Structure formats: structure tokens, C-alpha cells
Amino acid sequence: MTRSSVDHINCEGITFRGYDYDIQCWVEDYIIQDCGHPETMRPGCCNGDRLKGKDIRNIKMWSK
């Protein structure tokens, strides 16, 4: 399965909508989205679960 959407990245190289391949999570308006994995895989199944609701700009700032 392939998706036909495009990742949107700002001039600083931060994903504001789409999939961030560095952090491995989905982002919408700079907010990291829940992964959607079943409860049996949680907690901490992936970065989407661990970081959901956080602003990716803050995460990227600490990862540099």
C-alpha cells in the first residue's frame, strides 16, 4: 500500500504536516499524532505513542 499525500516541511526542515522520518511519527499542524496501534501493544510501542500531543518543533530542537 502506498499513500498519495505529500509531506509538508517548513524552511527550517521541520515537518508540519505528514510523516516525520527522523522521529518516525505522523504530524498534523506541528503536533505529533497518536500512532493508532492497539492497546495490547502499548504503552511505549513507538514514538507516536510516547510523544503524542507534543509540538514537534520542541522535539526537533532537543534532537540537534
C-alpha atoms as a PDB file:
ATOM      1  CA  MET A   1       0.000   0.000   0.000  1.00  0.00           C
ATOM      2  CA  THR A   2       1.292   3.456  -0.851  1.00  0.00           C
ATOM      3  CA  ARG A   3      -0.035   6.822   0.119  1.00  0.00           C
ATOM      4  CA  SER A   4      -0.577   9.635  -2.311  1.00  0.00           C
ATOM      5  CA  SER A   5      -0.207  12.541   0.124  1.00  0.00           C
ATOM      6  CA  VAL A   6       2.825  14.789   0.388  1.00  0.00           C
ATOM      7  CA  ASP A   7       4.825  15.675   3.494  1.00  0.00           C
ATOM      8  CA  HIS A   8       4.864  19.404   4.235  1.00  0.00           C
ATOM      9  CA  ILE A   9       8.157  20.673   5.633  1.00  0.00           C
ATOM     10  CA  ASN A  10       8.888  24.274   6.689  1.00  0.00           C
ATOM     11  CA  CYS A  11      12.007  26.264   5.753  1.00  0.00           C
ATOM     12  CA  GLU A  12      13.796  25.002   8.896  1.00  0.00           C
ATOM     13  CA  GLY A  13      13.338  21.397   7.783  1.00  0.00           C
ATOM     14  CA  ILE A  14      10.616  20.588  10.318  1.00  0.00           C
ATOM     15  CA  THR A  15       7.602  18.569   9.215  1.00  0.00           C
ATOM     16  CA  PHE A  16       4.375  20.415   9.973  1.00  0.00           C
ATOM     17  CA  ARG A  17       2.032  18.005   8.208  1.00  0.00           C
ATOM     18  CA  GLY A  18       2.777  14.444   7.161  1.00  0.00           C
ATOM     19  CA  TYR A  19       5.207  11.767   8.300  1.00  0.00           C
ATOM     20  CA  ASP A  20       8.446  12.786  10.002  1.00  0.00           C
ATOM     21  CA  TYR A  21      11.019  10.158   9.070  1.00  0.00           C
ATOM     22  CA  ASP A  22      13.582  11.275  11.677  1.00  0.00           C
ATOM     23  CA  ILE A  23      11.261  10.816  14.639  1.00  0.00           C
ATOM     24  CA  GLN A  24       9.127   8.145  12.906  1.00  0.00           C
ATOM     25  CA  CYS A  25       5.692   9.634  13.641  1.00  0.00           C
ATOM     26  CA  TRP A  26       2.763  11.396  11.986  1.00  0.00           C
ATOM     27  CA  VAL A  27       2.411  15.164  12.425  1.00  0.00           C
ATOM     28  CA  GLU A  28      -0.538  17.493  11.923  1.00  0.00           C
ATOM     29  CA  ASP A  29      -0.065  21.268  12.380  1.00  0.00           C
ATOM     30  CA  TYR A  30       3.230  20.620  14.230  1.00  0.00           C
ATOM     31  CA  ILE A  31       1.527  18.302  16.760  1.00  0.00           C
ATOM     32  CA  ILE A  32       2.637  14.663  16.940  1.00  0.00           C
ATOM     33  CA  GLN A  33      -0.320  12.350  16.415  1.00  0.00           C
ATOM     34  CA  ASP A  34      -1.232   9.141  18.212  1.00  0.00           C
ATOM     35  CA  CYS A  35       0.085   6.072  16.411  1.00  0.00           C
ATOM     36  CA  GLY A  36      -3.152   4.114  16.349  1.00  0.00           C
ATOM     37  CA  HIS A  37      -1.596   0.830  17.485  1.00  0.00           C
ATOM     38  CA  PRO A  38      -3.893  -1.460  19.509  1.00  0.00           C
ATOM     39  CA  GLU A  39      -3.869  -1.194  23.313  1.00  0.00           C
ATOM     40  CA  THR A  40      -2.196  -4.605  23.543  1.00  0.00           C
ATOM     41  CA  MET A  41       0.983  -3.061  22.068  1.00  0.00           C
ATOM     42  CA  ARG A  42       1.029  -0.101  24.459  1.00  0.00           C
ATOM     43  CA  PRO A  43       2.438   1.708  26.324  1.00  0.00           C
ATOM     44  CA  GLY A  44       5.553   2.847  24.557  1.00  0.00           C
ATOM     45  CA  CYS A  45       5.112   0.903  21.326  1.00  0.00           C
ATOM     46  CA  CYS A  46       6.592   3.708  19.226  1.00  0.00           C
ATOM     47  CA  ASN A  47       7.390   7.416  19.146  1.00  0.00           C
ATOM     48  CA  GLY A  48       3.833   8.228  18.082  1.00  0.00           C
ATOM     49  CA  ASP A  49       2.609   6.748  21.352  1.00  0.00           C
ATOM     50  CA  ARG A  50       5.382   8.208  23.526  1.00  0.00           C
ATOM     51  CA  LEU A  51       5.303  11.709  22.017  1.00  0.00           C
ATOM     52  CA  LYS A  52       1.613  12.167  21.061  1.00  0.00           C
ATOM     53  CA  GLY A  53       0.298  15.667  21.659  1.00  0.00           C
ATOM     54  CA  LYS A  54       3.748  17.269  21.792  1.00  0.00           C
ATOM     55  CA  ASP A  55       4.910  20.020  19.448  1.00  0.00           C
ATOM     56  CA  ILE A  56       7.470  18.593  17.012  1.00  0.00           C
ATOM     57  CA  ARG A  57       9.348  21.899  16.955  1.00  0.00           C
ATOM     58  CA  ASN A  58      10.259  21.366  20.611  1.00  0.00           C
ATOM     59  CA  ILE A  59      11.292  17.764  19.982  1.00  0.00           C
ATOM     60  CA  LYS A  60      13.455  18.674  16.982  1.00  0.00           C
ATOM     61  CA  MET A  61      15.119  21.481  18.959  1.00  0.00           C
ATOM     62  CA  TRP A  62      16.402  18.958  21.538  1.00  0.00           C
ATOM     63  CA  SER A  63      17.454  16.376  18.962  1.00  0.00           C
ATOM     64  CA  LYS A  64      20.040  18.626  17.265  1.00  0.00           C
END
